[in-house]
């Protein structure tokens, strides 16, 4: 009895999920151009490094936060892991190359 009710509940949840997804897809507006405040990043500026300068101006308020987030413990641990993973291969193959050349 319990298995049937669970199966019915799962089927109903699946049906509801599909219905909500289809409703969300219908509610999306057709593609519209970006608002005036957002400029197209691929538009030519006719200046040397104009697009890069615009990008820096747009992202400047978040730079400190990005740097601060880079010093999180998990980020530093992953950086050290990748560094030593790369260095160990270079040392091993360097040792093999040194033995074969001599």
C-alpha atoms as a PDB file:
ATOM      1  CA  UNK A   1       0.000   0.000   0.000  1.00  0.00           C
ATOM      2  CA  UNK A   2       2.784   2.406   0.965  1.00  0.00           C
ATOM      3  CA  UNK A   3       4.684   1.673  -2.244  1.00  0.00           C
ATOM      4  CA  UNK A   4       1.665   2.557  -4.376  1.00  0.00           C
ATOM      5  CA  UNK A   5       1.155   5.879  -2.601  1.00  0.00           C
ATOM      6  CA  UNK A   6       4.843   6.729  -3.004  1.00  0.00           C
ATOM      7  CA  UNK A   7       4.703   5.877  -6.696  1.00  0.00           C
ATOM      8  CA  UNK A   8       1.580   8.011  -7.138  1.00  0.00           C
ATOM      9  CA  UNK A   9       3.195  10.907  -5.273  1.00  0.00           C
ATOM     10  CA  UNK A  10       6.337  10.694  -7.413  1.00  0.00           C
ATOM     11  CA  UNK A  11       4.303  10.627 -10.628  1.00  0.00           C
ATOM     12  CA  UNK A  12       2.300  13.645  -9.468  1.00  0.00           C
ATOM     13  CA  UNK A  13       5.493  15.554  -8.580  1.00  0.00           C
ATOM     14  CA  UNK A  14       6.950  14.723 -11.988  1.00  0.00           C
ATOM     15  CA  UNK A  15       3.778  15.931 -13.722  1.00  0.00           C
ATOM     16  CA  UNK A  16       3.743  19.149 -11.686  1.00  0.00           C
ATOM     17  CA  UNK A  17       7.391  19.765 -12.442  1.00  0.00           C
ATOM     18  CA  UNK A  18       6.839  19.323 -16.194  1.00  0.00           C
ATOM     19  CA  UNK A  19       3.824  21.624 -16.070  1.00  0.00           C
ATOM     20  CA  UNK A  20       5.736  24.347 -14.234  1.00  0.00           C
ATOM     21  CA  UNK A  21       8.637  24.090 -16.673  1.00  0.00           C
ATOM     22  CA  UNK A  22       6.345  24.409 -19.674  1.00  0.00           C
ATOM     23  CA  UNK A  23       4.577  27.383 -18.057  1.00  0.00           C
ATOM     24  CA  UNK A  24       7.914  29.059 -17.384  1.00  0.00           C
ATOM     25  CA  UNK A  25       8.990  28.548 -20.983  1.00  0.00           C
ATOM     26  CA  UNK A  26       5.760  30.145 -22.220  1.00  0.00           C
ATOM     27  CA  UNK A  27       6.198  33.094 -19.865  1.00  0.00           C
ATOM     28  CA  UNK A  28       9.628  34.022 -21.207  1.00  0.00           C
ATOM     29  CA  UNK A  29       9.525  37.074 -23.451  1.00  0.00           C
ATOM     30  CA  UNK A  30      10.994  36.862 -26.920  1.00  0.00           C
ATOM     31  CA  UNK A  31      14.622  37.909 -27.220  1.00  0.00           C
ATOM     32  CA  UNK A  32      14.909  41.630 -26.714  1.00  0.00           C
ATOM     33  CA  UNK A  33      17.903  43.906 -27.026  1.00  0.00           C
ATOM     34  CA  UNK A  34      19.733  44.713 -23.783  1.00  0.00           C
ATOM     35  CA  UNK A  35      18.576  47.757 -21.822  1.00  0.00           C
ATOM     36  CA  UNK A  36      20.283  51.083 -22.455  1.00  0.00           C
ATOM     37  CA  UNK A  37      22.508  50.720 -19.379  1.00  0.00           C
ATOM     38  CA  UNK A  38      24.044  47.468 -20.631  1.00  0.00           C
ATOM     39  CA  UNK A  39      26.204  47.917 -23.681  1.00  0.00           C
ATOM     40  CA  UNK A  40      26.952  45.148 -26.112  1.00  0.00           C
ATOM     41  CA  UNK A  41      30.424  43.846 -25.201  1.00  0.00           C
ATOM     42  CA  UNK A  42      31.111  42.947 -28.831  1.00  0.00           C
ATOM     43  CA  UNK A  43      30.314  46.375 -30.248  1.00  0.00           C
ATOM     44  CA  UNK A  44      33.312  48.163 -31.724  1.00  0.00           C
ATOM     45  CA  UNK A  45      34.426  51.315 -29.874  1.00  0.00           C
ATOM     46  CA  UNK A  46      36.833  52.615 -32.547  1.00  0.00           C
ATOM     47  CA  UNK A  47      39.429  53.209 -29.823  1.00  0.00           C
ATOM     48  CA  UNK A  48      42.546  51.227 -29.033  1.00  0.00           C
ATOM     49  CA  UNK A  49      41.594  48.777 -26.246  1.00  0.00           C
ATOM     50  CA  UNK A  50      38.204  50.540 -25.936  1.00  0.00           C
ATOM     51  CA  UNK A  51      36.293  47.373 -25.127  1.00  0.00           C
ATOM     52  CA  UNK A  52      38.798  46.360 -22.468  1.00  0.00           C
ATOM     53  CA  UNK A  53      38.623  49.811 -20.878  1.00  0.00           C
ATOM     54  CA  UNK A  54      34.812  49.640 -20.791  1.00  0.00           C
ATOM     55  CA  UNK A  55      34.991  46.191 -19.213  1.00  0.00           C
ATOM     56  CA  UNK A  56      37.397  47.380 -16.512  1.00  0.00           C
ATOM     57  CA  UNK A  57      35.178  50.374 -15.718  1.00  0.00           C
ATOM     58  CA  UNK A  58      32.135  48.120 -15.481  1.00  0.00           C
ATOM     59  CA  UNK A  59      33.812  45.537 -13.245  1.00  0.00           C
ATOM     60  CA  UNK A  60      35.953  47.861 -11.102  1.00  0.00           C
ATOM     61  CA  UNK A  61      33.555  47.910  -8.099  1.00  0.00           C
ATOM     62  CA  UNK A  62      33.876  44.105  -7.770  1.00  0.00           C
ATOM     63  CA  UNK A  63      37.678  43.843  -7.977  1.00  0.00           C
ATOM     64  CA  UNK A  64      38.283  44.038  -4.222  1.00  0.00           C
ATOM     65  CA  UNK A  65      35.654  41.390  -3.563  1.00  0.00           C
ATOM     66  CA  UNK A  66      37.217  39.089  -6.179  1.00  0.00           C
ATOM     67  CA  UNK A  67      40.671  39.484  -4.642  1.00  0.00           C
ATOM     68  CA  UNK A  68      39.293  38.897  -1.153  1.00  0.00           C
ATOM     69  CA  UNK A  69      37.500  35.746  -2.329  1.00  0.00           C
ATOM     70  CA  UNK A  70      40.769  34.479  -3.817  1.00  0.00           C
ATOM     71  CA  UNK A  71      42.302  34.210  -0.347  1.00  0.00           C
ATOM     72  CA  UNK A  72      39.674  31.789   0.939  1.00  0.00           C
ATOM     73  CA  UNK A  73      41.135  28.625   2.494  1.00  0.00           C
ATOM     74  CA  UNK A  74      39.629  26.260  -0.085  1.00  0.00           C
ATOM     75  CA  UNK A  75      40.911  28.383  -2.974  1.00  0.00           C
ATOM     76  CA  UNK A  76      44.429  28.460  -1.550  1.00  0.00           C
ATOM     77  CA  UNK A  77      44.331  24.702  -0.928  1.00  0.00           C
ATOM     78  CA  UNK A  78      43.292  23.984  -4.510  1.00  0.00           C
ATOM     79  CA  UNK A  79      45.997  26.320  -5.865  1.00  0.00           C
ATOM     80  CA  UNK A  80      48.663  24.527  -3.838  1.00  0.00           C
ATOM     81  CA  UNK A  81      47.356  21.119  -4.911  1.00  0.00           C
ATOM     82  CA  UNK A  82      47.440  22.029  -8.608  1.00  0.00           C
ATOM     83  CA  UNK A  83      50.893  23.626  -8.241  1.00  0.00           C
ATOM     84  CA  UNK A  84      52.416  20.549  -6.641  1.00  0.00           C
ATOM     85  CA  UNK A  85      50.644  18.251  -9.097  1.00  0.00           C
ATOM     86  CA  UNK A  86      52.281  20.123 -11.982  1.00  0.00           C
ATOM     87  CA  UNK A  87      55.693  20.425 -10.326  1.00  0.00           C
ATOM     88  CA  UNK A  88      55.884  16.733  -9.401  1.00  0.00           C
ATOM     89  CA  UNK A  89      55.483  15.710 -13.055  1.00  0.00           C
ATOM     90  CA  UNK A  90      58.137  18.178 -14.173  1.00  0.00           C
ATOM     91  CA  UNK A  91      60.571  16.913 -11.530  1.00  0.00           C
ATOM     92  CA  UNK A  92      59.939  13.259 -12.394  1.00  0.00           C
ATOM     93  CA  UNK A  93      60.382  13.708 -16.128  1.00  0.00           C
ATOM     94  CA  UNK A  94      63.364  16.005 -15.547  1.00  0.00           C
ATOM     95  CA  UNK A  95      65.016  13.273 -13.486  1.00  0.00           C
ATOM     96  CA  UNK A  96      64.325  10.663 -16.168  1.00  0.00           C
ATOM     97  CA  UNK A  97      65.677  12.980 -18.860  1.00  0.00           C
ATOM     98  CA  UNK A  98      68.774  13.733 -16.768  1.00  0.00           C
ATOM     99  CA  UNK A  99      69.486   9.997 -16.339  1.00  0.00           C
ATOM    100  CA  UNK A 100      69.019   9.199 -20.020  1.00  0.00           C
ATOM    101  CA  UNK A 101      71.240  12.013 -21.297  1.00  0.00           C
ATOM    102  CA  UNK A 102      74.197  11.247 -19.018  1.00  0.00           C
END
